Amino acid sequence: MNERRIREIYQRSLEMNRDTFADGEYDIAHRVLLVALQCAQRLKDVEYLTEVTRLAEKESRFIDDHHPEYTYSSKAAIERGGVGLFQAAAQKARTIIILTTKNGKARGHYA
C-alpha cells in the first residue's frame, strides 16, 4: 500500500474516532483510534503519533470525568489491576514514538 493511501486511512480513522466517540460508542472509537495509530506507525510519522497520543489522553480524561463507571475507564481498569483502554493506546503511541526516534527513522507529515 502506498504512503498516500495510508495517510488517507489515518485521516478517515480519526474522523470515525471522533464520530463514534461523540456518539458514546467508546469501544468502536478505541478500535478506530488503533487503526490510526497503526497507520502513524507504518508511516513513522512522529506528528501523527503525537496526535494519536493526545487524542487518546483527551478521550481517556473525558471518560474518567464523565463515565467513571464505564468498563474501560481508568478507574475501573485500575480496580482490575490494569490500565484504561485509551490510556493503554496513549502508552503504546508514546512507546512507538520513542522507538521511532531512537532508530532515527522518524518523519513528519510532509516527509
Protein backbone atom coordinates (compact mmCIF):
# COMPACT_ATOMS: atom_id res chain seq x y z
CA MET A 1 0.00 0.00 0.00
CA ASN A 2 1.40 3.41 -0.85
CA GLU A 3 2.05 6.21 1.60
CA ARG A 4 -0.74 8.43 0.26
CA ARG A 5 -3.30 5.69 0.86
CA ILE A 6 -2.05 5.06 4.41
CA ARG A 7 -2.33 8.80 5.18
CA GLU A 8 -5.89 8.75 3.84
CA ILE A 9 -6.79 5.80 6.07
CA TYR A 10 -5.20 7.64 9.01
CA GLN A 11 -7.38 10.72 8.43
CA ARG A 12 -10.54 8.68 7.93
CA SER A 13 -9.82 6.70 11.09
CA LEU A 14 -9.54 9.90 13.12
CA GLU A 15 -12.84 11.13 11.67
CA MET A 16 -14.52 7.84 12.55
CA ASN A 17 -12.99 8.02 16.02
CA ARG A 18 -14.43 11.49 16.61
CA ASP A 19 -17.86 10.47 15.31
CA THR A 20 -18.13 7.24 17.27
CA PHE A 21 -16.73 8.81 20.44
CA ALA A 22 -19.26 11.65 20.19
CA ASP A 23 -22.00 9.01 19.87
CA GLY A 24 -20.79 7.29 23.05
CA GLU A 25 -19.52 4.24 21.17
CA TYR A 26 -16.27 4.15 23.11
CA ASP A 27 -15.25 0.61 22.17
CA ILE A 28 -15.59 1.38 18.47
CA ALA A 29 -13.86 4.74 18.92
CA HIS A 30 -10.94 2.96 20.59
CA ARG A 31 -10.64 0.42 17.76
CA VAL A 32 -10.53 3.04 15.01
CA LEU A 33 -8.04 5.06 17.05
CA LEU A 34 -5.82 1.97 16.99
CA VAL A 35 -6.17 1.89 13.20
CA ALA A 36 -4.92 5.50 13.09
CA LEU A 37 -2.07 4.51 15.41
CA GLN A 38 -1.10 1.63 13.12
CA CYS A 39 -1.06 3.98 10.13
CA ALA A 40 1.10 6.50 12.00
CA GLN A 41 3.48 3.72 12.98
CA ARG A 42 3.73 2.43 9.39
CA LEU A 43 4.47 5.96 8.21
CA LYS A 44 6.97 6.52 11.05
CA ASP A 45 5.29 9.91 11.43
CA VAL A 46 6.01 11.37 14.85
CA GLU A 47 3.49 14.18 14.36
CA TYR A 48 0.74 11.67 13.67
CA LEU A 49 1.87 9.52 16.60
CA THR A 50 1.79 12.58 18.85
CA GLU A 51 -1.69 13.45 17.60
CA VAL A 52 -2.93 9.95 18.44
CA THR A 53 -1.32 10.19 21.90
CA ARG A 54 -3.04 13.50 22.65
CA LEU A 55 -6.39 12.27 21.39
CA ALA A 56 -6.19 9.05 23.40
CA GLU A 57 -5.32 11.00 26.54
CA LYS A 58 -8.12 13.51 25.93
CA GLU A 59 -10.69 10.76 25.38
CA SER A 60 -9.44 8.91 28.46
CA ARG A 61 -9.88 12.04 30.60
CA PHE A 62 -13.39 12.56 29.23
CA ILE A 63 -14.42 9.01 30.09
CA ASP A 64 -12.81 9.22 33.53
CA ASP A 65 -14.54 12.55 34.25
CA HIS A 66 -17.97 11.77 32.80
CA HIS A 67 -18.29 7.96 32.80
CA PRO A 68 -16.03 6.52 35.52
CA GLU A 69 -18.39 3.54 35.70
CA TYR A 70 -17.54 2.60 32.09
CA THR A 71 -15.85 -0.81 31.96
CA TYR A 72 -12.71 0.55 30.35
CA SER A 73 -12.34 3.78 32.32
CA SER A 74 -9.05 4.23 34.16
CA LYS A 75 -10.84 3.81 37.50
CA ALA A 76 -12.48 0.53 36.52
CA ALA A 77 -9.30 -0.76 34.92
CA ILE A 78 -7.19 0.10 37.98
CA GLU A 79 -9.66 -1.78 40.18
CA ARG A 80 -8.97 -4.82 37.98
CA GLY A 81 -5.22 -4.20 38.11
CA GLY A 82 -4.97 -2.82 34.56
CA VAL A 83 -4.94 0.38 32.56
CA GLY A 84 -7.87 2.05 30.80
CA LEU A 85 -8.24 1.36 27.09
CA PHE A 86 -7.45 4.88 25.95
CA GLN A 87 -4.54 5.20 28.38
CA ALA A 88 -3.15 1.95 27.01
CA ALA A 89 -3.40 3.37 23.47
CA ALA A 90 -1.60 6.54 24.59
CA GLN A 91 1.15 4.47 26.24
CA LYS A 92 1.55 2.41 23.09
CA ALA A 93 1.82 5.55 20.95
CA ARG A 94 4.44 7.06 23.29
CA THR A 95 6.47 3.84 23.13
CA ILE A 96 6.32 3.84 19.33
CA ILE A 97 7.49 7.48 19.29
CA ILE A 98 10.48 6.57 21.45
CA LEU A 99 11.39 3.58 19.29
CA THR A 100 10.90 5.52 16.06
CA THR A 101 13.02 8.48 17.09
CA LYS A 102 15.65 6.24 18.72
CA ASN A 103 16.12 4.37 15.44
CA GLY A 104 16.49 7.64 13.54
CA LYS A 105 13.70 6.82 11.12
CA ALA A 106 11.16 9.39 12.27
CA ARG A 107 9.36 11.53 9.73
CA GLY A 108 6.76 14.27 9.76
CA HIS A 109 3.50 14.77 7.88
CA TYR A 110 5.15 16.23 4.85
CA ALA A 111 8.15 13.96 4.53
